[in-house]
Amino acid sequence: MKKFLIVTILFIISINDIYSQPKEFGLGIILGSPSGFSGKYWMTEYTALDFGMGYSFSGKNNMTNFHADYLWHNDNVIKVEAKIPLYYGVGARLKIRQNSASRLGVRGALGITYFPTEIPIDLFFEVVPVFNLVPSTELDIETGLGFRYYFR
């Protein structure tokens, strides 16, 4: 009975590893507005923390952008054999401008990601409205296309 229990537990653990997406830390790049580094840390099978740092060259107002989001993923929207969840979330952005006032805002992320089964990466595209709160209220739209490699 003891051997059966050990074999059953090992089998369940191996099945979970085969069918779950990476829950570790991923690091990669994002191209768009702005371009830079992107990271993701999986907290559960469907939730993750996403963060990034980018730089934008726009004439006199070069800017560095930092963001962090809490994301929820939904695997049931696109019905294909590959793992392609839609995700949405909320977070914050700090935009530091070189020759102008910096901005602090609330982000609402919406995107799609693809997890190839052969290698530990994800490919993603996102559209993110940002409601700036400081120094004045205004709406920005950020977009990005990127990938991350997951360290196992």
Protein backbone atom coordinates (compact mmCIF):
# COMPACT_ATOMS: atom_id res chain seq x y z
CA MET A 1 0.00 0.00 0.00
CA LYS A 2 2.84 2.38 0.85
CA LYS A 3 4.49 1.83 -2.57
CA PHE A 4 1.17 2.41 -4.32
CA LEU A 5 0.71 5.72 -2.48
CA ILE A 6 4.23 6.89 -3.37
CA VAL A 7 3.79 5.94 -7.05
CA THR A 8 0.40 7.71 -7.15
CA ILE A 9 1.82 10.92 -5.64
CA LEU A 10 4.76 10.91 -8.09
CA PHE A 11 2.37 10.34 -10.99
CA ILE A 12 0.15 13.28 -9.96
CA ILE A 13 3.18 15.56 -9.59
CA SER A 14 4.49 14.58 -13.04
CA ILE A 15 1.08 15.14 -14.70
CA ASN A 16 0.89 18.60 -13.12
CA ASP A 17 4.35 19.48 -14.51
CA ILE A 18 3.40 18.32 -18.01
CA TYR A 19 0.15 20.27 -18.34
CA SER A 20 0.81 23.46 -16.41
CA GLN A 21 2.30 26.61 -17.79
CA PRO A 22 5.54 27.89 -16.35
CA LYS A 23 5.04 29.15 -12.82
CA GLU A 24 8.55 30.35 -12.44
CA PHE A 25 10.15 33.62 -13.38
CA GLY A 26 10.35 34.76 -16.99
CA LEU A 27 12.49 37.55 -18.38
CA GLY A 28 12.55 39.00 -21.88
CA ILE A 29 12.03 42.06 -24.02
CA ILE A 30 9.07 44.13 -25.10
CA LEU A 31 8.99 46.27 -28.24
CA GLY A 32 6.54 49.11 -28.59
CA SER A 33 5.67 52.09 -26.51
CA PRO A 34 8.05 51.97 -24.67
CA SER A 35 10.63 49.31 -25.53
CA GLY A 36 12.70 47.55 -22.89
CA PHE A 37 12.74 44.61 -20.50
CA SER A 38 9.72 42.58 -19.40
CA GLY A 39 9.40 40.12 -16.54
CA LYS A 40 6.67 37.84 -15.27
CA TYR A 41 6.32 35.84 -12.08
CA TRP A 42 3.56 33.22 -11.94
CA MET A 43 1.75 33.12 -8.59
CA THR A 44 -0.86 30.48 -9.50
CA GLU A 45 -1.88 28.68 -12.70
CA TYR A 46 -3.99 31.69 -13.73
CA THR A 47 -2.47 34.73 -11.99
CA ALA A 48 0.88 36.45 -12.39
CA LEU A 49 2.80 39.58 -11.59
CA ASP A 50 4.05 41.36 -14.69
CA PHE A 51 6.60 44.15 -14.61
CA GLY A 52 8.74 46.09 -17.00
CA MET A 53 11.23 48.82 -17.57
CA GLY A 54 11.52 50.63 -20.85
CA TYR A 55 12.97 53.68 -22.48
CA SER A 56 11.45 55.94 -25.08
CA PHE A 57 13.22 58.46 -27.29
CA SER A 58 10.87 61.30 -28.16
CA GLY A 59 12.92 64.36 -28.98
CA LYS A 60 13.52 66.60 -25.96
CA ASN A 61 11.44 64.46 -23.58
CA ASN A 62 13.32 61.17 -23.39
CA MET A 63 11.64 59.03 -20.75
CA THR A 64 12.14 55.95 -18.63
CA ASN A 65 9.04 53.89 -17.96
CA PHE A 66 8.46 51.47 -15.04
CA HIS A 67 5.30 49.39 -14.65
CA ALA A 68 3.89 46.54 -12.57
CA ASP A 69 0.59 44.70 -13.09
CA TYR A 70 -1.42 41.95 -11.44
CA LEU A 71 -2.75 39.73 -14.28
CA TRP A 72 -5.49 37.11 -14.63
CA HIS A 73 -5.29 34.60 -17.51
CA ASN A 74 -8.24 32.88 -19.20
CA ASP A 75 -7.52 29.72 -21.23
CA ASN A 76 -11.15 29.19 -22.28
CA VAL A 77 -11.61 32.05 -24.77
CA ILE A 78 -9.57 30.70 -27.71
CA LYS A 79 -10.27 27.00 -28.28
CA VAL A 80 -7.20 25.50 -29.99
CA GLU A 81 -4.75 22.77 -29.07
CA ALA A 82 -2.02 25.29 -28.27
CA LYS A 83 -2.07 27.22 -25.00
CA ILE A 84 -3.16 30.77 -25.96
CA PRO A 85 -4.79 32.53 -23.00
CA LEU A 86 -6.15 36.04 -22.98
CA TYR A 87 -5.09 38.09 -19.99
CA TYR A 88 -6.25 41.24 -18.26
CA GLY A 89 -5.12 43.09 -15.20
CA VAL A 90 -4.53 46.27 -13.32
CA GLY A 91 -1.35 47.98 -12.19
CA ALA A 92 0.66 51.16 -11.99
CA ARG A 93 3.09 53.03 -14.21
CA LEU A 94 5.77 55.60 -13.42
CA LYS A 95 7.08 57.60 -16.37
CA ILE A 96 10.17 59.69 -15.62
CA ARG A 97 10.75 62.40 -18.21
CA GLN A 98 14.15 63.97 -18.65
CA ASN A 99 13.13 67.59 -19.37
CA SER A 100 9.53 67.65 -18.19
CA ALA A 101 7.22 66.62 -15.37
CA SER A 102 7.14 62.91 -14.57
CA ARG A 103 3.87 60.98 -14.62
CA LEU A 104 2.24 58.43 -12.30
CA GLY A 105 -0.78 56.48 -13.52
CA VAL A 106 -3.04 53.45 -13.26
CA ARG A 107 -2.75 50.78 -15.99
CA GLY A 108 -5.40 48.44 -17.32
CA ALA A 109 -3.65 45.66 -19.26
CA LEU A 110 -5.36 43.54 -21.94
CA GLY A 111 -3.40 41.04 -24.00
CA ILE A 112 -2.91 37.63 -25.51
CA THR A 113 -0.02 35.23 -24.98
CA TYR A 114 1.19 32.03 -26.65
CA PHE A 115 3.09 29.24 -24.86
CA PRO A 116 4.95 26.90 -27.24
CA THR A 117 5.07 23.38 -25.83
CA GLU A 118 8.67 22.67 -26.86
CA ILE A 119 10.56 25.54 -25.23
CA PRO A 120 9.99 27.54 -22.00
CA ILE A 121 9.04 30.89 -23.55
CA ASP A 122 5.94 32.96 -24.10
CA LEU A 123 5.13 35.36 -26.92
CA PHE A 124 2.69 38.16 -26.13
CA PHE A 125 0.90 41.22 -27.46
CA GLU A 126 -0.82 43.75 -25.21
CA VAL A 127 -2.75 47.01 -25.33
CA VAL A 128 -2.65 49.05 -22.13
CA PRO A 129 -4.66 52.18 -21.43
CA VAL A 130 -2.96 54.28 -18.74
CA PHE A 131 -4.89 56.86 -16.75
CA ASN A 132 -2.32 59.38 -15.51
CA LEU A 133 -3.08 60.86 -12.10
CA VAL A 134 0.02 62.97 -11.38
CA PRO A 135 0.83 65.78 -12.25
CA SER A 136 -2.45 66.03 -14.18
CA THR A 137 -5.12 63.64 -15.39
CA GLU A 138 -4.85 62.38 -18.95
CA LEU A 139 -5.16 59.11 -20.86
CA ASP A 140 -2.25 57.35 -22.60
CA ILE A 141 -2.34 54.15 -24.65
CA GLU A 142 0.67 51.82 -24.62
CA THR A 143 1.15 48.76 -26.83
CA GLY A 144 3.77 46.06 -26.79
CA LEU A 145 4.91 42.91 -28.52
CA GLY A 146 7.43 40.73 -26.75
CA PHE A 147 8.72 37.43 -25.47
CA ARG A 148 10.05 36.01 -22.22
CA TYR A 149 12.26 33.04 -21.42
CA TYR A 150 11.25 31.09 -18.29
CA PHE A 151 13.97 29.90 -15.95
CA ARG A 152 13.08 26.50 -14.52
